[in-house]
Amino acid sequence: MLLAEKSTGHLVEISDIKTLFDPNESSVTGSVHYGEEAQDPEPIAKTELAFPSGEALPLCWTDPDYRQR
């Protein structure tokens, strides 16, 4: 799955989709696509990611207490 870094707009290929969907995980492993080839995988905070359209990630992916609100 491809997401975008909020600060730069660079695409990030997410390696572990299960971690992305888990609201108890605050970061996910991904490779930034910038330049000619993808960079090495690194942990990226979910708060720094959005969909390529600019839409924020769903609360059920980022907030373990989303049902309380």
C-alpha atoms as a PDB file:
ATOM      1  CA  MET A   1       0.000   0.000   0.000  1.00  0.00           C
ATOM      2  CA  LEU A   2       1.255   3.473  -0.811  1.00  0.00           C
ATOM      3  CA  LEU A   3       0.756   6.395   1.551  1.00  0.00           C
ATOM      4  CA  ALA A   4       2.295   9.868   1.540  1.00  0.00           C
ATOM      5  CA  GLU A   5       4.473  11.732   4.028  1.00  0.00           C
ATOM      6  CA  LYS A   6       2.551  14.786   5.201  1.00  0.00           C
ATOM      7  CA  SER A   7       5.590  17.050   5.364  1.00  0.00           C
ATOM      8  CA  THR A   8       7.113  16.258   1.966  1.00  0.00           C
ATOM      9  CA  GLY A   9       4.402  14.552  -0.070  1.00  0.00           C
ATOM     10  CA  HIS A  10       6.793  11.707  -0.916  1.00  0.00           C
ATOM     11  CA  LEU A  11       5.194   8.312  -1.385  1.00  0.00           C
ATOM     12  CA  VAL A  12       5.862   5.630   1.226  1.00  0.00           C
ATOM     13  CA  GLU A  13       5.404   1.935   0.460  1.00  0.00           C
ATOM     14  CA  ILE A  14       4.108   0.239   3.612  1.00  0.00           C
ATOM     15  CA  SER A  15       5.731  -3.152   4.232  1.00  0.00           C
ATOM     16  CA  ASP A  16       3.448  -4.505   6.960  1.00  0.00           C
ATOM     17  CA  ILE A  17      -0.237  -3.782   6.399  1.00  0.00           C
ATOM     18  CA  LYS A  18      -1.312  -5.479   9.656  1.00  0.00           C
ATOM     19  CA  THR A  19       0.769  -2.999  11.666  1.00  0.00           C
ATOM     20  CA  LEU A  20      -0.818  -0.122   9.742  1.00  0.00           C
ATOM     21  CA  PHE A  21      -4.314  -1.295  10.674  1.00  0.00           C
ATOM     22  CA  ASP A  22      -3.420  -1.905  14.355  1.00  0.00           C
ATOM     23  CA  PRO A  23      -4.350   1.195  16.399  1.00  0.00           C
ATOM     24  CA  ASN A  24      -2.023   0.105  19.236  1.00  0.00           C
ATOM     25  CA  GLU A  25       1.034   0.527  16.989  1.00  0.00           C
ATOM     26  CA  SER A  26       2.285   4.122  16.713  1.00  0.00           C
ATOM     27  CA  SER A  27       4.655   3.507  13.800  1.00  0.00           C
ATOM     28  CA  VAL A  28       4.841   1.370  10.697  1.00  0.00           C
ATOM     29  CA  THR A  29       7.739   0.128   8.556  1.00  0.00           C
ATOM     30  CA  GLY A  30       7.920   1.640   5.098  1.00  0.00           C
ATOM     31  CA  SER A  31      10.219   2.605   2.242  1.00  0.00           C
ATOM     32  CA  VAL A  32      10.167   6.197   1.020  1.00  0.00           C
ATOM     33  CA  HIS A  33       9.983   6.468  -2.758  1.00  0.00           C
ATOM     34  CA  TYR A  34      12.122   9.474  -3.573  1.00  0.00           C
ATOM     35  CA  GLY A  35      14.570   9.769  -6.405  1.00  0.00           C
ATOM     36  CA  GLU A  36      15.332   6.897  -8.736  1.00  0.00           C
ATOM     37  CA  GLU A  37      14.792   4.043  -6.317  1.00  0.00           C
ATOM     38  CA  ALA A  38      13.068   3.278  -3.038  1.00  0.00           C
ATOM     39  CA  GLN A  39      15.032   3.890   0.139  1.00  0.00           C
ATOM     40  CA  ASP A  40      15.708   1.227   2.761  1.00  0.00           C
ATOM     41  CA  PRO A  41      12.742   0.357   5.009  1.00  0.00           C
ATOM     42  CA  GLU A  42      12.549   2.392   8.192  1.00  0.00           C
ATOM     43  CA  PRO A  43       9.999   2.986  10.964  1.00  0.00           C
ATOM     44  CA  ILE A  44       7.700   5.936  10.265  1.00  0.00           C
ATOM     45  CA  ALA A  45       5.226   7.419  12.747  1.00  0.00           C
ATOM     46  CA  LYS A  46       1.614   7.027  11.658  1.00  0.00           C
ATOM     47  CA  THR A  47       1.031  10.681  12.557  1.00  0.00           C
ATOM     48  CA  GLU A  48       3.397  11.613   9.697  1.00  0.00           C
ATOM     49  CA  LEU A  49       1.373   9.698   7.085  1.00  0.00           C
ATOM     50  CA  ALA A  50      -1.735  10.406   5.020  1.00  0.00           C
ATOM     51  CA  PHE A  51      -3.334   9.054   1.881  1.00  0.00           C
ATOM     52  CA  PRO A  52      -1.824  10.402  -1.367  1.00  0.00           C
ATOM     53  CA  SER A  53      -5.006  12.473  -1.836  1.00  0.00           C
ATOM     54  CA  GLY A  54      -4.175  14.324   1.405  1.00  0.00           C
ATOM     55  CA  GLU A  55      -6.913  12.637   3.430  1.00  0.00           C
ATOM     56  CA  ALA A  56      -5.909  11.679   6.981  1.00  0.00           C
ATOM     57  CA  LEU A  57      -5.659   8.056   8.083  1.00  0.00           C
ATOM     58  CA  PRO A  58      -8.819   6.683   9.745  1.00  0.00           C
ATOM     59  CA  LEU A  59      -8.967   7.023  13.531  1.00  0.00           C
ATOM     60  CA  CYS A  60      -9.500   3.266  13.862  1.00  0.00           C
ATOM     61  CA  TRP A  61      -5.908   2.849  12.524  1.00  0.00           C
ATOM     62  CA  THR A  62      -4.288   5.411  14.825  1.00  0.00           C
ATOM     63  CA  ASP A  63      -6.306   5.784  18.039  1.00  0.00           C
ATOM     64  CA  PRO A  64      -6.955   2.719  20.235  1.00  0.00           C
ATOM     65  CA  ASP A  65      -9.738   4.621  22.036  1.00  0.00           C
ATOM     66  CA  TYR A  66     -11.520   5.837  18.911  1.00  0.00           C
ATOM     67  CA  ARG A  67     -14.828   4.265  20.015  1.00  0.00           C
ATOM     68  CA  GLN A  68     -14.788   6.309  23.234  1.00  0.00           C
ATOM     69  CA  ARG A  69     -15.175   9.579  21.303  1.00  0.00           C
END
